[in-house]
Amino acid sequence: FQEAREKRGLVYNIYSFSTSYDDGGLFGIYAGT
C-alpha cells in the first residue's frame, strides 16, 4: 500500500491474502491499476 499507492500513485486498491485449505493453500496479491 505504501509503495504502490502512497509513494507512486499507481493503484487505488492493492492487497495480499493468504487462504488455507485442509491440505494446502494459496497466497495471493490483487491490484487494480
PDB file of all heavy atoms in Angstrom:
ATOM      1  N   PHE A   1       0.831  -1.202   0.000  1.00  0.00           N
ATOM      2  CA  PHE A   1       0.000   0.000   0.000  1.00  0.00           C
ATOM      3  C   PHE A   1       0.869   1.257   0.000  1.00  0.00           C
ATOM      4  O   PHE A   1       0.611   2.209  -0.753  1.00  0.00           O
ATOM      5  CB  PHE A   1      -0.927  -0.002   1.208  1.00  0.00           C
ATOM      6  CG  PHE A   1      -2.020   1.039   1.136  1.00  0.00           C
ATOM      7  CD1 PHE A   1      -3.250   0.720   0.604  1.00  0.00           C
ATOM      8  CD2 PHE A   1      -1.813   2.326   1.616  1.00  0.00           C
ATOM      9  CE1 PHE A   1      -4.267   1.673   0.539  1.00  0.00           C
ATOM     10  CE2 PHE A   1      -2.806   3.280   1.558  1.00  0.00           C
ATOM     11  CZ  PHE A   1      -4.049   2.947   1.019  1.00  0.00           C
ATOM     12  N   GLN A   2       1.887   1.257   0.830  1.00  0.00           N
ATOM     13  CA  GLN A   2       2.744   2.434   0.920  1.00  0.00           C
ATOM     14  C   GLN A   2       3.520   2.674  -0.373  1.00  0.00           C
ATOM     15  O   GLN A   2       3.601   3.808  -0.868  1.00  0.00           O
ATOM     16  CB  GLN A   2       3.717   2.275   2.094  1.00  0.00           C
ATOM     17  CG  GLN A   2       3.072   2.441   3.462  1.00  0.00           C
ATOM     18  CD  GLN A   2       2.537   3.844   3.677  1.00  0.00           C
ATOM     19  OE1 GLN A   2       3.217   4.836   3.400  1.00  0.00           O
ATOM     20  NE2 GLN A   2       1.308   3.943   4.162  1.00  0.00           N
ATOM     21  N   GLU A   3       4.088   1.613  -0.943  1.00  0.00           N
ATOM     22  CA  GLU A   3       4.921   1.779  -2.131  1.00  0.00           C
ATOM     23  C   GLU A   3       4.102   2.040  -3.392  1.00  0.00           C
ATOM     24  O   GLU A   3       4.433   2.914  -4.191  1.00  0.00           O
ATOM     25  CB  GLU A   3       5.795   0.536  -2.339  1.00  0.00           C
ATOM     26  CG  GLU A   3       6.874   0.342  -1.287  1.00  0.00           C
ATOM     27  CD  GLU A   3       7.938   1.424  -1.342  1.00  0.00           C
ATOM     28  OE1 GLU A   3       8.169   1.996  -2.430  1.00  0.00           O
ATOM     29  OE2 GLU A   3       8.538   1.709  -0.286  1.00  0.00           O
ATOM     30  N   ALA A   4       3.029   1.260  -3.584  1.00  0.00           N
ATOM     31  CA  ALA A   4       2.272   1.349  -4.836  1.00  0.00           C
ATOM     32  C   ALA A   4       1.279   2.510  -4.848  1.00  0.00           C
ATOM     33  O   ALA A   4       1.114   3.170  -5.874  1.00  0.00           O
ATOM     34  CB  ALA A   4       1.536   0.045  -5.097  1.00  0.00           C
ATOM     35  N   ARG A   5       0.655   2.780  -3.733  1.00  0.00           N
ATOM     36  CA  ARG A   5      -0.355   3.838  -3.711  1.00  0.00           C
ATOM     37  C   ARG A   5       0.170   5.152  -3.151  1.00  0.00           C
ATOM     38  O   ARG A   5       0.084   6.198  -3.803  1.00  0.00           O
ATOM     39  CB  ARG A   5      -1.578   3.382  -2.903  1.00  0.00           C
ATOM     40  CG  ARG A   5      -2.586   4.502  -2.734  1.00  0.00           C
ATOM     41  CD  ARG A   5      -3.912   4.045  -2.218  1.00  0.00           C
ATOM     42  NE  ARG A   5      -4.699   5.177  -1.719  1.00  0.00           N
ATOM     43  CZ  ARG A   5      -5.992   5.133  -1.459  1.00  0.00           C
ATOM     44  NH1 ARG A   5      -6.662   4.023  -1.651  1.00  0.00           N
ATOM     45  NH2 ARG A   5      -6.623   6.208  -0.987  1.00  0.00           N
ATOM     46  N   GLU A   6       0.722   5.107  -1.935  1.00  0.00           N
ATOM     47  CA  GLU A   6       1.081   6.354  -1.268  1.00  0.00           C
ATOM     48  C   GLU A   6       2.284   7.041  -1.911  1.00  0.00           C
ATOM     49  O   GLU A   6       2.306   8.267  -2.043  1.00  0.00           O
ATOM     50  CB  GLU A   6       1.356   6.085   0.213  1.00  0.00           C
ATOM     51  CG  GLU A   6       0.144   5.541   0.986  1.00  0.00           C
ATOM     52  CD  GLU A   6      -1.010   6.528   1.005  1.00  0.00           C
ATOM     53  OE1 GLU A   6      -0.998   7.428   1.859  1.00  0.00           O
ATOM     54  OE2 GLU A   6      -1.917   6.391   0.164  1.00  0.00           O
ATOM     55  N   LYS A   7       3.283   6.264  -2.311  1.00  0.00           N
ATOM     56  CA  LYS A   7       4.503   6.872  -2.864  1.00  0.00           C
ATOM     57  C   LYS A   7       4.445   7.084  -4.372  1.00  0.00           C
ATOM     58  O   LYS A   7       5.016   8.037  -4.889  1.00  0.00           O
ATOM     59  CB  LYS A   7       5.720   6.014  -2.516  1.00  0.00           C
ATOM     60  CG  LYS A   7       6.032   5.969  -1.036  1.00  0.00           C
ATOM     61  CD  LYS A   7       7.287   5.152  -0.757  1.00  0.00           C
ATOM     62  CE  LYS A   7       7.594   5.104   0.744  1.00  0.00           C
ATOM     63  NZ  LYS A   7       8.806   4.280   1.034  1.00  0.00           N
ATOM     64  N   ARG A   8       3.742   6.179  -5.093  1.00  0.00           N
ATOM     65  CA  ARG A   8       3.762   6.258  -6.552  1.00  0.00           C
ATOM     66  C   ARG A   8       2.407   6.520  -7.192  1.00  0.00           C
ATOM     67  O   ARG A   8       2.337   6.847  -8.367  1.00  0.00           O
ATOM     68  CB  ARG A   8       4.351   4.960  -7.131  1.00  0.00           C
ATOM     69  CG  ARG A   8       5.826   4.783  -6.818  1.00  0.00           C
ATOM     70  CD  ARG A   8       6.301   3.398  -7.268  1.00  0.00           C
ATOM     71  NE  ARG A   8       7.749   3.234  -7.121  1.00  0.00           N
ATOM     72  CZ  ARG A   8       8.365   2.948  -5.993  1.00  0.00           C
ATOM     73  NH1 ARG A   8       7.648   2.789  -4.892  1.00  0.00           N
ATOM     74  NH2 ARG A   8       9.668   2.823  -5.935  1.00  0.00           N
ATOM     75  N   GLY A   9       1.326   6.355  -6.451  1.00  0.00           N
ATOM     76  CA  GLY A   9       0.002   6.621  -7.005  1.00  0.00           C
ATOM     77  C   GLY A   9      -0.381   5.698  -8.150  1.00  0.00           C
ATOM     78  O   GLY A   9      -1.135   6.094  -9.047  1.00  0.00           O
ATOM     79  N   LEU A  10       0.083   4.457  -8.106  1.00  0.00           N
ATOM     80  CA  LEU A  10      -0.168   3.528  -9.207  1.00  0.00           C
ATOM     81  C   LEU A  10      -1.503   2.812  -9.093  1.00  0.00           C
ATOM     82  O   LEU A  10      -1.995   2.258 -10.085  1.00  0.00           O
ATOM     83  CB  LEU A  10       0.952   2.473  -9.267  1.00  0.00           C
ATOM     84  CG  LEU A  10       2.364   2.987  -9.543  1.00  0.00           C
ATOM     85  CD1 LEU A  10       3.361   1.833  -9.473  1.00  0.00           C
ATOM     86  CD2 LEU A  10       2.414   3.649 -10.915  1.00  0.00           C
ATOM     87  N   VAL A  11      -2.080   2.768  -7.903  1.00  0.00           N
ATOM     88  CA  VAL A  11      -3.295   1.994  -7.681  1.00  0.00           C
ATOM     89  C   VAL A  11      -4.238   2.737  -6.746  1.00  0.00           C
ATOM     90  O   VAL A  11      -3.823   3.639  -6.015  1.00  0.00           O
ATOM     91  CB  VAL A  11      -2.979   0.619  -7.036  1.00  0.00           C
ATOM     92  CG1 VAL A  11      -2.085  -0.217  -7.923  1.00  0.00           C
ATOM     93  CG2 VAL A  11      -2.344   0.805  -5.656  1.00  0.00           C
ATOM     94  N   TYR A  12      -5.492   2.331  -6.783  1.00  0.00           N
ATOM     95  CA  TYR A  12      -6.418   2.720  -5.719  1.00  0.00           C
ATOM     96  C   TYR A  12      -6.489   1.605  -4.691  1.00  0.00           C
ATOM     97  O   TYR A  12      -6.517   1.835  -3.491  1.00  0.00           O
ATOM     98  CB  TYR A  12      -7.811   2.988  -6.293  1.00  0.00           C
ATOM     99  CG  TYR A  12      -8.849   3.242  -5.217  1.00  0.00           C
ATOM    100  CD1 TYR A  12      -8.838   4.437  -4.497  1.00  0.00           C
ATOM    101  CD2 TYR A  12      -9.801   2.279  -4.901  1.00  0.00           C
ATOM    102  CE1 TYR A  12      -9.760   4.672  -3.489  1.00  0.00           C
ATOM    103  CE2 TYR A  12     -10.729   2.500  -3.893  1.00  0.00           C
ATOM    104  CZ  TYR A  12     -10.707   3.702  -3.193  1.00  0.00           C
ATOM    105  OH  TYR A  12     -11.617   3.923  -2.193  1.00  0.00           O
ATOM    106  N   ASN A  13      -6.499   0.354  -5.178  1.00  0.00           N
ATOM    107  CA  ASN A  13      -6.671  -0.796  -4.289  1.00  0.00           C
ATOM    108  C   ASN A  13      -5.590  -1.832  -4.562  1.00  0.00           C
ATOM    109  O   ASN A  13      -5.368  -2.226  -5.709  1.00  0.00           O
ATOM    110  CB  ASN A  13      -8.055  -1.421  -4.513  1.00  0.00           C
ATOM    111  CG  ASN A  13      -8.435  -2.409  -3.433  1.00  0.00           C
ATOM    112  OD1 ASN A  13      -7.839  -2.425  -2.359  1.00  0.00           O
ATOM    113  ND2 ASN A  13      -9.441  -3.232  -3.699  1.00  0.00           N
ATOM    114  N   ILE A  14      -4.908  -2.261  -3.504  1.00  0.00           N
ATOM    115  CA  ILE A  14      -3.921  -3.330  -3.608  1.00  0.00           C
ATOM    116  C   ILE A  14      -3.809  -4.015  -2.248  1.00  0.00           C
ATOM    117  O   ILE A  14      -3.819  -3.356  -1.213  1.00  0.00           O
ATOM    118  CB  ILE A  14      -2.545  -2.794  -4.067  1.00  0.00           C
ATOM    119  CG1 ILE A  14      -1.576  -3.955  -4.330  1.00  0.00           C
ATOM    120  CG2 ILE A  14      -1.958  -1.794  -3.068  1.00  0.00           C
ATOM    121  CD1 ILE A  14      -0.284  -3.527  -5.021  1.00  0.00           C
ATOM    122  N   TYR A  15      -3.760  -5.335  -2.273  1.00  0.00           N
ATOM    123  CA  TYR A  15      -3.647  -6.065  -1.002  1.00  0.00           C
ATOM    124  C   TYR A  15      -3.153  -7.477  -1.261  1.00  0.00           C
ATOM    125  O   TYR A  15      -3.201  -7.985  -2.389  1.00  0.00           O
ATOM    126  CB  TYR A  15      -4.989  -6.112  -0.267  1.00  0.00           C
ATOM    127  CG  TYR A  15      -6.118  -6.754  -1.033  1.00  0.00           C
ATOM    128  CD1 TYR A  15      -6.311  -8.141  -1.021  1.00  0.00           C
ATOM    129  CD2 TYR A  15      -7.012  -5.972  -1.769  1.00  0.00           C
ATOM    130  CE1 TYR A  15      -7.347  -8.730  -1.716  1.00  0.00           C
ATOM    131  CE2 TYR A  15      -8.052  -6.554  -2.478  1.00  0.00           C
ATOM    132  CZ  TYR A  15      -8.215  -7.930  -2.449  1.00  0.00           C
ATOM    133  OH  TYR A  15      -9.247  -8.510  -3.151  1.00  0.00           O
ATOM    134  N   SER A  16      -2.684  -8.124  -0.206  1.00  0.00           N
ATOM    135  CA  SER A  16      -2.292  -9.531  -0.277  1.00  0.00           C
ATOM    136  C   SER A  16      -3.240 -10.337   0.601  1.00  0.00           C
ATOM    137  O   SER A  16      -3.917  -9.800   1.479  1.00  0.00           O
ATOM    138  CB  SER A  16      -0.845  -9.725   0.172  1.00  0.00           C
ATOM    139  OG  SER A  16      -0.678  -9.354   1.526  1.00  0.00           O
ATOM    140  N   PHE A  17      -3.282 -11.641   0.364  1.00  0.00           N
ATOM    141  CA  PHE A  17      -4.149 -12.517   1.151  1.00  0.00           C
ATOM    142  C   PHE A  17      -3.536 -13.908   1.219  1.00  0.00           C
ATOM    143  O   PHE A  17      -2.764 -14.317   0.348  1.00  0.00           O
ATOM    144  CB  PHE A  17      -5.551 -12.594   0.540  1.00  0.00           C
ATOM    145  CG  PHE A  17      -5.581 -13.061  -0.890  1.00  0.00           C
ATOM    146  CD1 PHE A  17      -5.707 -14.406  -1.205  1.00  0.00           C
ATOM    147  CD2 PHE A  17      -5.487 -12.144  -1.931  1.00  0.00           C
ATOM    148  CE1 PHE A  17      -5.737 -14.836  -2.521  1.00  0.00           C
ATOM    149  CE2 PHE A  17      -5.509 -12.562  -3.259  1.00  0.00           C
ATOM    150  CZ  PHE A  17      -5.631 -13.916  -3.555  1.00  0.00           C
ATOM    151  N   SER A  18      -3.869 -14.618   2.268  1.00  0.00           N
ATOM    152  CA  SER A  18      -3.410 -15.993   2.453  1.00  0.00           C
ATOM    153  C   SER A  18      -4.612 -16.860   2.772  1.00  0.00           C
ATOM    154  O   SER A  18      -5.255 -16.671   3.799  1.00  0.00           O
ATOM    155  CB  SER A  18      -2.380 -16.069   3.581  1.00  0.00           C
ATOM    156  OG  SER A  18      -1.940 -17.396   3.776  1.00  0.00           O
ATOM    157  N   THR A  19      -4.932 -17.780   1.876  1.00  0.00           N
ATOM    158  CA  THR A  19      -6.068 -18.676   2.039  1.00  0.00           C
ATOM    159  C   THR A  19      -5.563 -20.081   2.336  1.00  0.00           C
ATOM    160  O   THR A  19      -4.734 -20.611   1.599  1.00  0.00           O
ATOM    161  CB  THR A  19      -6.934 -18.703   0.768  1.00  0.00           C
ATOM    162  OG1 THR A  19      -7.355 -17.374   0.453  1.00  0.00           O
ATOM    163  CG2 THR A  19      -8.151 -19.590   0.965  1.00  0.00           C
ATOM    164  N   SER A  20      -6.045 -20.668   3.408  1.00  0.00           N
ATOM    165  CA  SER A  20      -5.620 -22.013   3.789  1.00  0.00           C
ATOM    166  C   SER A  20      -6.742 -23.015   3.555  1.00  0.00           C
ATOM    167  O   SER A  20      -7.923 -22.706   3.767  1.00  0.00           O
ATOM    168  CB  SER A  20      -5.207 -22.051   5.265  1.00  0.00           C
ATOM    169  OG  SER A  20      -4.034 -21.304   5.484  1.00  0.00           O
ATOM    170  N   TYR A  21      -6.348 -24.212   3.125  1.00  0.00           N
ATOM    171  CA  TYR A  21      -7.271 -25.328   2.956  1.00  0.00           C
ATOM    172  C   TYR A  21      -6.789 -26.489   3.821  1.00  0.00           C
ATOM    173  O   TYR A  21      -5.776 -26.384   4.509  1.00  0.00           O
ATOM    174  CB  TYR A  21      -7.348 -25.739   1.490  1.00  0.00           C
ATOM    175  CG  TYR A  21      -7.745 -24.619   0.564  1.00  0.00           C
ATOM    176  CD1 TYR A  21      -6.882 -24.156  -0.435  1.00  0.00           C
ATOM    177  CD2 TYR A  21      -8.990 -24.009   0.677  1.00  0.00           C
ATOM    178  CE1 TYR A  21      -7.242 -23.132  -1.293  1.00  0.00           C
ATOM    179  CE2 TYR A  21      -9.358 -22.970  -0.174  1.00  0.00           C
ATOM    180  CZ  TYR A  21      -8.478 -22.539  -1.154  1.00  0.00           C
ATOM    181  OH  TYR A  21      -8.841 -21.514  -1.990  1.00  0.00           O
ATOM    182  N   ASP A  22      -7.502 -27.607   3.767  1.00  0.00           N
ATOM    183  CA  ASP A  22      -7.140 -28.750   4.599  1.00  0.00           C
ATOM    184  C   ASP A  22      -5.757 -29.297   4.262  1.00  0.00           C
ATOM    185  O   ASP A  22      -5.036 -29.778   5.147  1.00  0.00           O
ATOM    186  CB  ASP A  22      -8.171 -29.869   4.443  1.00  0.00           C
ATOM    187  CG  ASP A  22      -9.495 -29.520   5.107  1.00  0.00           C
ATOM    188  OD1 ASP A  22      -9.509 -28.601   5.954  1.00  0.00           O
ATOM    189  OD2 ASP A  22     -10.508 -30.160   4.779  1.00  0.00           O
ATOM    190  N   ASP A  23      -5.387 -29.254   2.982  1.00  0.00           N
ATOM    191  CA  ASP A  23      -4.133 -29.867   2.556  1.00  0.00           C
ATOM    192  C   ASP A  23      -3.293 -28.969   1.651  1.00  0.00           C
ATOM    193  O   ASP A  23      -2.550 -29.437   0.804  1.00  0.00           O
ATOM    194  CB  ASP A  23      -4.406 -31.197   1.844  1.00  0.00           C
ATOM    195  CG  ASP A  23      -5.426 -31.053   0.718  1.00  0.00           C
ATOM    196  OD1 ASP A  23      -6.057 -29.985   0.610  1.00  0.00           O
ATOM    197  OD2 ASP A  23      -5.603 -32.019  -0.051  1.00  0.00           O
ATOM    198  N   GLY A  24      -3.401 -27.674   1.829  1.00  0.00           N
ATOM    199  CA  GLY A  24      -2.611 -26.736   1.034  1.00  0.00           C
ATOM    200  C   GLY A  24      -3.138 -25.335   1.206  1.00  0.00           C
ATOM    201  O   GLY A  24      -3.861 -25.040   2.171  1.00  0.00           O
ATOM    202  N   GLY A  25      -2.805 -24.476   0.279  1.00  0.00           N
ATOM    203  CA  GLY A  25      -3.273 -23.106   0.389  1.00  0.00           C
ATOM    204  C   GLY A  25      -2.912 -22.288  -0.823  1.00  0.00           C
ATOM    205  O   GLY A  25      -2.350 -22.795  -1.808  1.00  0.00           O
ATOM    206  N   LEU A  26      -3.218 -21.005  -0.764  1.00  0.00           N
ATOM    207  CA  LEU A  26      -2.942 -20.084  -1.865  1.00  0.00           C
ATOM    208  C   LEU A  26      -2.619 -18.718  -1.283  1.00  0.00           C
ATOM    209  O   LEU A  26      -3.411 -18.156  -0.514  1.00  0.00           O
ATOM    210  CB  LEU A  26      -4.161 -20.001  -2.787  1.00  0.00           C
ATOM    211  CG  LEU A  26      -4.003 -19.233  -4.106  1.00  0.00           C
ATOM    212  CD1 LEU A  26      -2.905 -19.848  -4.963  1.00  0.00           C
ATOM    213  CD2 LEU A  26      -5.321 -19.235  -4.864  1.00  0.00           C
ATOM    214  N   PHE A  27      -1.446 -18.222  -1.616  1.00  0.00           N
ATOM    215  CA  PHE A  27      -1.046 -16.870  -1.220  1.00  0.00           C
ATOM    216  C   PHE A  27      -1.154 -15.991  -2.453  1.00  0.00           C
ATOM    217  O   PHE A  27      -0.663 -16.358  -3.526  1.00  0.00           O
ATOM    218  CB  PHE A  27       0.384 -16.857  -0.698  1.00  0.00           C
ATOM    219  CG  PHE A  27       0.877 -15.482  -0.329  1.00  0.00           C
ATOM    220  CD1 PHE A  27       0.575 -14.931   0.908  1.00  0.00           C
ATOM    221  CD2 PHE A  27       1.626 -14.724  -1.219  1.00  0.00           C
ATOM    222  CE1 PHE A  27       1.016 -13.655   1.254  1.00  0.00           C
ATOM    223  CE2 PHE A  27       2.079 -13.456  -0.883  1.00  0.00           C
ATOM    224  CZ  PHE A  27       1.763 -12.917   0.354  1.00  0.00           C
ATOM    225  N   GLY A  28      -1.805 -14.839  -2.304  1.00  0.00           N
ATOM    226  CA  GLY A  28      -2.021 -14.014  -3.484  1.00  0.00           C
ATOM    227  C   GLY A  28      -1.938 -12.527  -3.227  1.00  0.00           C
ATOM    228  O   GLY A  28      -1.986 -12.052  -2.091  1.00  0.00           O
ATOM    229  N   ILE A  29      -1.821 -11.804  -4.334  1.00  0.00           N
ATOM    230  CA  ILE A  29      -1.798 -10.342  -4.331  1.00  0.00           C
ATOM    231  C   ILE A  29      -2.772  -9.875  -5.404  1.00  0.00           C
ATOM    232  O   ILE A  29      -2.731 -10.367  -6.544  1.00  0.00           O
ATOM    233  CB  ILE A  29      -0.394  -9.796  -4.657  1.00  0.00           C
ATOM    234  CG1 ILE A  29       0.629 -10.291  -3.631  1.00  0.00           C
ATOM    235  CG2 ILE A  29      -0.404  -8.273  -4.740  1.00  0.00           C
ATOM    236  CD1 ILE A  29       2.014 -10.456  -4.190  1.00  0.00           C
ATOM    237  N   TYR A  30      -3.659  -8.960  -5.052  1.00  0.00           N
ATOM    238  CA  TYR A  30      -4.585  -8.384  -6.021  1.00  0.00           C
ATOM    239  C   TYR A  30      -4.315  -6.889  -6.141  1.00  0.00           C
ATOM    240  O   TYR A  30      -4.034  -6.207  -5.147  1.00  0.00           O
ATOM    241  CB  TYR A  30      -6.046  -8.581  -5.609  1.00  0.00           C
ATOM    242  CG  TYR A  30      -6.969  -7.681  -6.413  1.00  0.00           C
ATOM    243  CD1 TYR A  30      -7.356  -8.030  -7.704  1.00  0.00           C
ATOM    244  CD2 TYR A  30      -7.394  -6.451  -5.901  1.00  0.00           C
ATOM    245  CE1 TYR A  30      -8.164  -7.189  -8.460  1.00  0.00           C
ATOM    246  CE2 TYR A  30      -8.202  -5.599  -6.655  1.00  0.00           C
ATOM    247  CZ  TYR A  30      -8.583  -5.970  -7.932  1.00  0.00           C
ATOM    248  OH  TYR A  30      -9.365  -5.126  -8.684  1.00  0.00           O
ATOM    249  N   ALA A  31      -4.452  -6.376  -7.363  1.00  0.00           N
ATOM    250  CA  ALA A  31      -4.334  -4.937  -7.583  1.00  0.00           C
ATOM    251  C   ALA A  31      -5.182  -4.544  -8.782  1.00  0.00           C
ATOM    252  O   ALA A  31      -5.333  -5.305  -9.740  1.00  0.00           O
ATOM    253  CB  ALA A  31      -2.879  -4.537  -7.829  1.00  0.00           C
ATOM    254  N   GLY A  32      -5.740  -3.356  -8.708  1.00  0.00           N
ATOM    255  CA  GLY A  32      -6.418  -2.749  -9.843  1.00  0.00           C
ATOM    256  C   GLY A  32      -5.670  -1.479 -10.207  1.00  0.00           C
ATOM    257  O   GLY A  32      -5.407  -0.633  -9.336  1.00  0.00           O
ATOM    258  N   THR A  33      -5.309  -1.338 -11.477  1.00  0.00           N
ATOM    259  CA  THR A  33      -4.479  -0.207 -11.886  1.00  0.00           C
ATOM    260  C   THR A  33      -4.859   0.258 -13.283  1.00  0.00           C
ATOM    261  O   THR A  33      -5.640  -0.398 -13.984  1.00  0.00           O
ATOM    262  CB  THR A  33      -2.989  -0.587 -11.839  1.00  0.00           C
ATOM    263  OG1 THR A  33      -2.188   0.574 -12.054  1.00  0.00           O
ATOM    264  CG2 THR A  33      -2.651  -1.637 -12.896  1.00  0.00           C
TER     265      THR A  33
END
